[in-house]
Amino acid sequence: MTAPEYIQLKAYARQDGFFLALLWTASFACYILGITNQMLEMLALGLAITTPFFVASRLRKFRDEGREGQISFGRGYAYTIFVFFYGAVLLAVVQFLYFAYVDNGYLLNAFSRMMSSEEGQQIISQYGMSQMVEEGMAEMAQIRPIDYALNILTMNIFIGFILGVPIGLVMQRSEVKR
C-alpha cells in the first residue's frame, strides 16, 4: 500500500467511523431511555446488531468509489479496524460526557430499582445471588465515568478486530464486475 492509498483509507475510515459513532450513540441513548421503555430497549438492541452490516455497506462504498471496485482482504480488514477504532473513540467521548455530567446516578438507581422489585428479589433469591448482586451494585457505584468509557472503548475495538475478518472476506474483490 502506498502512502497516498494509506491516507485515502484512513480518510474514508475516519468519516465512516464518525457515522458508526452516530449509530452507536443512538443505540446508547435508546439503551438509557429504554430502561423505562421496552420499545426503546429493543431499538437499542436492533441498532447494535446492525453494526457489522453498516460497516460492510460503508466498506462496499469505499471499495466501489475509492478503490474503483477492487479491494484485497488485508485492505478491507485494515479499513474495518480503523472504522471501529474511530467510532469507538468517539463513542467513548460521548459516554464519558454522559456518565460524568448527565447521568448523576440514574443508571445505577435504575438497576437498583430493578433488583429491589418483587420480581427481581424472587429471581435473586431463587438463584442464591443476593450477596453477589449487593457486591456488584457496590462496585458499580465506585466506577468512575472514565472507567465506563475506557471499558466500552476497549470492547468495541476488540469487536472490530473480530468482525473485520468476516467483513473483509465478504467484501473483498480482486476483479471489477462489469
C-alpha atoms as a PDB file:
ATOM      1  CA  MET A   1       0.000   0.000   0.000  1.00  0.00           C
ATOM      2  CA  THR A   2       1.452   3.328  -0.994  1.00  0.00           C
ATOM      3  CA  ALA A   3       1.376   6.413   1.217  1.00  0.00           C
ATOM      4  CA  PRO A   4      -1.457   8.084  -0.775  1.00  0.00           C
ATOM      5  CA  GLU A   5      -3.508   4.866  -0.616  1.00  0.00           C
ATOM      6  CA  TYR A   6      -2.971   4.684   3.159  1.00  0.00           C
ATOM      7  CA  ILE A   7      -4.038   8.328   3.536  1.00  0.00           C
ATOM      8  CA  GLN A   8      -7.139   7.604   1.428  1.00  0.00           C
ATOM      9  CA  LEU A   9      -8.003   4.530   3.517  1.00  0.00           C
ATOM     10  CA  LYS A  10      -7.705   6.455   6.773  1.00  0.00           C
ATOM     11  CA  ALA A  11      -9.722   9.393   5.421  1.00  0.00           C
ATOM     12  CA  TYR A  12     -12.622   7.136   4.433  1.00  0.00           C
ATOM     13  CA  ALA A  13     -12.319   5.250   7.725  1.00  0.00           C
ATOM     14  CA  ARG A  14     -12.423   8.463   9.791  1.00  0.00           C
ATOM     15  CA  GLN A  15     -15.550   9.605   8.004  1.00  0.00           C
ATOM     16  CA  ASP A  16     -17.240   6.230   8.338  1.00  0.00           C
ATOM     17  CA  GLY A  17     -16.055   5.915  11.946  1.00  0.00           C
ATOM     18  CA  PHE A  18     -17.941   9.135  12.641  1.00  0.00           C
ATOM     19  CA  PHE A  19     -21.101   7.644  11.127  1.00  0.00           C
ATOM     20  CA  LEU A  20     -20.588   4.458  13.161  1.00  0.00           C
ATOM     21  CA  ALA A  21     -20.228   6.580  16.299  1.00  0.00           C
ATOM     22  CA  LEU A  22     -23.553   8.231  15.471  1.00  0.00           C
ATOM     23  CA  LEU A  23     -25.177   4.799  15.125  1.00  0.00           C
ATOM     24  CA  TRP A  24     -23.673   3.631  18.425  1.00  0.00           C
ATOM     25  CA  THR A  25     -24.621   6.884  20.162  1.00  0.00           C
ATOM     26  CA  ALA A  26     -28.222   6.414  19.050  1.00  0.00           C
ATOM     27  CA  SER A  27     -28.100   2.846  20.338  1.00  0.00           C
ATOM     28  CA  PHE A  28     -26.622   4.015  23.663  1.00  0.00           C
ATOM     29  CA  ALA A  29     -29.282   6.731  24.024  1.00  0.00           C
ATOM     30  CA  CYS A  30     -32.035   4.210  23.291  1.00  0.00           C
ATOM     31  CA  TYR A  31     -30.494   1.858  25.872  1.00  0.00           C
ATOM     32  CA  ILE A  32     -30.501   4.528  28.578  1.00  0.00           C
ATOM     33  CA  LEU A  33     -34.029   5.671  27.733  1.00  0.00           C
ATOM     34  CA  GLY A  34     -35.092   2.041  27.262  1.00  0.00           C
ATOM     35  CA  ILE A  35     -34.677   1.312  30.931  1.00  0.00           C
ATOM     36  CA  THR A  36     -38.218   2.618  31.312  1.00  0.00           C
ATOM     37  CA  ASN A  37     -39.496   1.812  27.799  1.00  0.00           C
ATOM     38  CA  GLN A  38     -39.180  -1.672  26.284  1.00  0.00           C
ATOM     39  CA  MET A  39     -39.617  -0.468  22.714  1.00  0.00           C
ATOM     40  CA  LEU A  40     -36.565   1.768  23.008  1.00  0.00           C
ATOM     41  CA  GLU A  41     -34.644  -1.108  24.557  1.00  0.00           C
ATOM     42  CA  MET A  42     -35.474  -3.251  21.530  1.00  0.00           C
ATOM     43  CA  LEU A  43     -34.459  -0.413  19.220  1.00  0.00           C
ATOM     44  CA  ALA A  44     -31.121  -0.138  21.064  1.00  0.00           C
ATOM     45  CA  LEU A  45     -30.503  -3.832  20.537  1.00  0.00           C
ATOM     46  CA  GLY A  46     -31.515  -3.606  16.878  1.00  0.00           C
ATOM     47  CA  LEU A  47     -29.166  -0.680  16.245  1.00  0.00           C
ATOM     48  CA  ALA A  48     -26.292  -2.548  17.893  1.00  0.00           C
ATOM     49  CA  ILE A  49     -26.966  -5.653  15.807  1.00  0.00           C
ATOM     50  CA  THR A  50     -26.848  -3.643  12.575  1.00  0.00           C
ATOM     51  CA  THR A  51     -23.216  -2.623  13.251  1.00  0.00           C
ATOM     52  CA  PRO A  52     -21.486  -5.259  11.061  1.00  0.00           C
ATOM     53  CA  PHE A  53     -23.940  -4.683   8.212  1.00  0.00           C
ATOM     54  CA  PHE A  54     -23.465  -0.927   8.447  1.00  0.00           C
ATOM     55  CA  VAL A  55     -19.663  -1.250   8.389  1.00  0.00           C
ATOM     56  CA  ALA A  56     -19.848  -3.712   5.475  1.00  0.00           C
ATOM     57  CA  SER A  57     -22.007  -1.272   3.492  1.00  0.00           C
ATOM     58  CA  ARG A  58     -19.512   1.537   4.171  1.00  0.00           C
ATOM     59  CA  LEU A  59     -16.658  -0.763   3.109  1.00  0.00           C
ATOM     60  CA  ARG A  60     -18.540  -1.549  -0.099  1.00  0.00           C
ATOM     61  CA  LYS A  61     -18.877   2.178  -0.758  1.00  0.00           C
ATOM     62  CA  PHE A  62     -15.136   2.668  -0.144  1.00  0.00           C
ATOM     63  CA  ARG A  63     -14.348  -0.289  -2.395  1.00  0.00           C
ATOM     64  CA  ASP A  64     -16.603   0.861  -5.221  1.00  0.00           C
ATOM     65  CA  GLU A  65     -15.886   4.607  -5.094  1.00  0.00           C
ATOM     66  CA  GLY A  66     -12.439   4.957  -3.577  1.00  0.00           C
ATOM     67  CA  ARG A  67     -10.823   1.758  -4.863  1.00  0.00           C
ATOM     68  CA  GLU A  68     -12.609   1.542  -8.225  1.00  0.00           C
ATOM     69  CA  GLY A  69     -14.321  -1.745  -7.376  1.00  0.00           C
ATOM     70  CA  GLN A  70     -11.304  -3.679  -6.108  1.00  0.00           C
ATOM     71  CA  ILE A  71     -10.112  -4.302  -2.578  1.00  0.00           C
ATOM     72  CA  SER A  72      -7.990  -7.017  -1.021  1.00  0.00           C
ATOM     73  CA  PHE A  73      -8.874  -8.778   2.203  1.00  0.00           C
ATOM     74  CA  GLY A  74      -5.984  -7.072   4.016  1.00  0.00           C
ATOM     75  CA  ARG A  75      -7.023  -3.595   2.957  1.00  0.00           C
ATOM     76  CA  GLY A  76     -10.679  -4.300   3.794  1.00  0.00           C
ATOM     77  CA  TYR A  77      -9.659  -5.679   7.180  1.00  0.00           C
ATOM     78  CA  ALA A  78      -7.497  -2.625   7.906  1.00  0.00           C
ATOM     79  CA  TYR A  79     -10.340  -0.330   6.861  1.00  0.00           C
ATOM     80  CA  THR A  80     -12.774  -2.139   9.168  1.00  0.00           C
ATOM     81  CA  ILE A  81     -10.381  -1.942  12.122  1.00  0.00           C
ATOM     82  CA  PHE A  82      -9.873   1.790  11.555  1.00  0.00           C
ATOM     83  CA  VAL A  83     -13.633   2.385  11.302  1.00  0.00           C
ATOM     84  CA  PHE A  84     -14.228   0.547  14.564  1.00  0.00           C
ATOM     85  CA  PHE A  85     -11.334   2.384  16.205  1.00  0.00           C
ATOM     86  CA  TYR A  86     -12.526   5.859  15.210  1.00  0.00           C
ATOM     87  CA  GLY A  87     -16.139   5.034  16.054  1.00  0.00           C
ATOM     88  CA  ALA A  88     -15.138   3.570  19.425  1.00  0.00           C
ATOM     89  CA  VAL A  89     -13.078   6.626  20.352  1.00  0.00           C
ATOM     90  CA  LEU A  90     -15.932   8.991  19.560  1.00  0.00           C
ATOM     91  CA  LEU A  91     -18.441   6.816  21.426  1.00  0.00           C
ATOM     92  CA  ALA A  92     -16.102   6.704  24.432  1.00  0.00           C
ATOM     93  CA  VAL A  93     -16.080  10.504  24.492  1.00  0.00           C
ATOM     94  CA  VAL A  94     -19.884  10.588  24.355  1.00  0.00           C
ATOM     95  CA  GLN A  95     -20.186   8.008  27.119  1.00  0.00           C
ATOM     96  CA  PHE A  96     -17.648   9.762  29.316  1.00  0.00           C
ATOM     97  CA  LEU A  97     -19.549  13.025  28.949  1.00  0.00           C
ATOM     98  CA  TYR A  98     -22.832  11.273  29.704  1.00  0.00           C
ATOM     99  CA  PHE A  99     -21.599   9.481  32.822  1.00  0.00           C
ATOM    100  CA  ALA A 100     -19.590  12.479  34.079  1.00  0.00           C
ATOM    101  CA  TYR A 101     -22.162  15.237  33.544  1.00  0.00           C
ATOM    102  CA  VAL A 102     -25.614  13.864  32.724  1.00  0.00           C
ATOM    103  CA  ASP A 103     -26.232  10.515  34.440  1.00  0.00           C
ATOM    104  CA  ASN A 104     -25.962  11.597  38.112  1.00  0.00           C
ATOM    105  CA  GLY A 105     -26.584   8.008  39.253  1.00  0.00           C
ATOM    106  CA  TYR A 106     -29.615   7.395  37.020  1.00  0.00           C
ATOM    107  CA  LEU A 107     -28.329   4.101  35.598  1.00  0.00           C
ATOM    108  CA  LEU A 108     -27.261   2.756  38.983  1.00  0.00           C
ATOM    109  CA  ASN A 109     -30.584   3.773  40.555  1.00  0.00           C
ATOM    110  CA  ALA A 110     -32.489   2.093  37.718  1.00  0.00           C
ATOM    111  CA  PHE A 111     -30.559  -1.152  38.242  1.00  0.00           C
ATOM    112  CA  SER A 112     -31.121  -0.859  41.983  1.00  0.00           C
ATOM    113  CA  ARG A 113     -34.881  -0.420  41.464  1.00  0.00           C
ATOM    114  CA  MET A 114     -34.947  -3.486  39.197  1.00  0.00           C
ATOM    115  CA  MET A 115     -33.061  -5.591  41.736  1.00  0.00           C
ATOM    116  CA  SER A 116     -35.213  -4.433  44.653  1.00  0.00           C
ATOM    117  CA  SER A 117     -38.509  -5.036  42.867  1.00  0.00           C
ATOM    118  CA  GLU A 118     -40.550  -8.058  43.907  1.00  0.00           C
ATOM    119  CA  GLU A 119     -39.730  -9.936  40.704  1.00  0.00           C
ATOM    120  CA  GLY A 120     -36.041  -9.059  40.959  1.00  0.00           C
ATOM    121  CA  GLN A 121     -35.881 -10.229  44.578  1.00  0.00           C
ATOM    122  CA  GLN A 122     -37.542 -13.530  43.674  1.00  0.00           C
ATOM    123  CA  ILE A 123     -35.043 -14.213  40.910  1.00  0.00           C
ATOM    124  CA  ILE A 124     -32.081 -13.203  43.063  1.00  0.00           C
ATOM    125  CA  SER A 125     -33.157 -15.389  45.985  1.00  0.00           C
ATOM    126  CA  GLN A 126     -34.080 -18.287  43.695  1.00  0.00           C
ATOM    127  CA  TYR A 127     -30.545 -18.392  42.306  1.00  0.00           C
ATOM    128  CA  GLY A 128     -28.918 -17.566  45.660  1.00  0.00           C
ATOM    129  CA  MET A 129     -27.214 -14.476  44.311  1.00  0.00           C
ATOM    130  CA  SER A 130     -28.107 -11.890  46.973  1.00  0.00           C
ATOM    131  CA  GLN A 131     -24.552 -11.278  48.118  1.00  0.00           C
ATOM    132  CA  MET A 132     -23.181 -11.187  44.574  1.00  0.00           C
ATOM    133  CA  VAL A 133     -25.798  -8.631  43.478  1.00  0.00           C
ATOM    134  CA  GLU A 134     -25.065  -6.425  46.505  1.00  0.00           C
ATOM    135  CA  GLU A 135     -21.326  -6.572  45.818  1.00  0.00           C
ATOM    136  CA  GLY A 136     -21.879  -5.841  42.139  1.00  0.00           C
ATOM    137  CA  MET A 137     -24.036  -2.812  42.897  1.00  0.00           C
ATOM    138  CA  ALA A 138     -21.423  -1.524  45.362  1.00  0.00           C
ATOM    139  CA  GLU A 139     -18.706  -1.935  42.739  1.00  0.00           C
ATOM    140  CA  MET A 140     -20.795  -0.153  40.104  1.00  0.00           C
ATOM    141  CA  ALA A 141     -21.191   2.783  42.485  1.00  0.00           C
ATOM    142  CA  GLN A 142     -17.396   3.074  42.712  1.00  0.00           C
ATOM    143  CA  ILE A 143     -16.679   3.029  38.965  1.00  0.00           C
ATOM    144  CA  ARG A 144     -15.601   6.379  37.539  1.00  0.00           C
ATOM    145  CA  PRO A 145     -17.028   7.713  34.252  1.00  0.00           C
ATOM    146  CA  ILE A 146     -13.661   7.302  32.530  1.00  0.00           C
ATOM    147  CA  ASP A 147     -13.654   3.624  33.508  1.00  0.00           C
ATOM    148  CA  TYR A 148     -17.010   3.041  31.820  1.00  0.00           C
ATOM    149  CA  ALA A 149     -15.816   4.840  28.693  1.00  0.00           C
ATOM    150  CA  LEU A 150     -12.472   3.009  28.525  1.00  0.00           C
ATOM    151  CA  ASN A 151     -14.140  -0.363  29.074  1.00  0.00           C
ATOM    152  CA  ILE A 152     -16.546   0.178  26.178  1.00  0.00           C
ATOM    153  CA  LEU A 153     -13.722   1.622  24.033  1.00  0.00           C
ATOM    154  CA  THR A 154     -11.612  -1.485  24.529  1.00  0.00           C
ATOM    155  CA  MET A 155     -14.527  -3.806  23.904  1.00  0.00           C
ATOM    156  CA  ASN A 156     -15.565  -2.044  20.672  1.00  0.00           C
ATOM    157  CA  ILE A 157     -12.023  -2.063  19.280  1.00  0.00           C
ATOM    158  CA  PHE A 158     -11.739  -5.778  20.089  1.00  0.00           C
ATOM    159  CA  ILE A 159     -15.070  -6.415  18.359  1.00  0.00           C
ATOM    160  CA  GLY A 160     -13.692  -4.564  15.324  1.00  0.00           C
ATOM    161  CA  PHE A 161     -10.734  -6.959  15.144  1.00  0.00           C
ATOM    162  CA  ILE A 162     -13.110  -9.928  15.258  1.00  0.00           C
ATOM    163  CA  LEU A 163     -15.803  -8.629  12.885  1.00  0.00           C
ATOM    164  CA  GLY A 164     -13.165  -7.322  10.487  1.00  0.00           C
ATOM    165  CA  VAL A 165     -12.375 -10.865   9.377  1.00  0.00           C
ATOM    166  CA  PRO A 166     -15.797 -11.850   8.017  1.00  0.00           C
ATOM    167  CA  ILE A 167     -16.498  -8.336   6.735  1.00  0.00           C
ATOM    168  CA  GLY A 168     -13.142  -8.218   4.925  1.00  0.00           C
ATOM    169  CA  LEU A 169     -13.639 -11.686   3.480  1.00  0.00           C
ATOM    170  CA  VAL A 170     -17.144 -10.986   2.213  1.00  0.00           C
ATOM    171  CA  MET A 171     -16.342  -7.574   0.756  1.00  0.00           C
ATOM    172  CA  GLN A 172     -13.008  -8.364  -0.922  1.00  0.00           C
ATOM    173  CA  ARG A 173     -12.964  -8.251  -4.700  1.00  0.00           C
ATOM    174  CA  SER A 174      -9.973  -8.750  -6.953  1.00  0.00           C
ATOM    175  CA  GLU A 175     -11.725  -8.152 -10.270  1.00  0.00           C
ATOM    176  CA  VAL A 176     -14.102  -5.400 -11.238  1.00  0.00           C
ATOM    177  CA  LYS A 177     -17.543  -6.800 -12.107  1.00  0.00           C
ATOM    178  CA  ARG A 178     -18.977  -5.213 -15.192  1.00  0.00           C
END
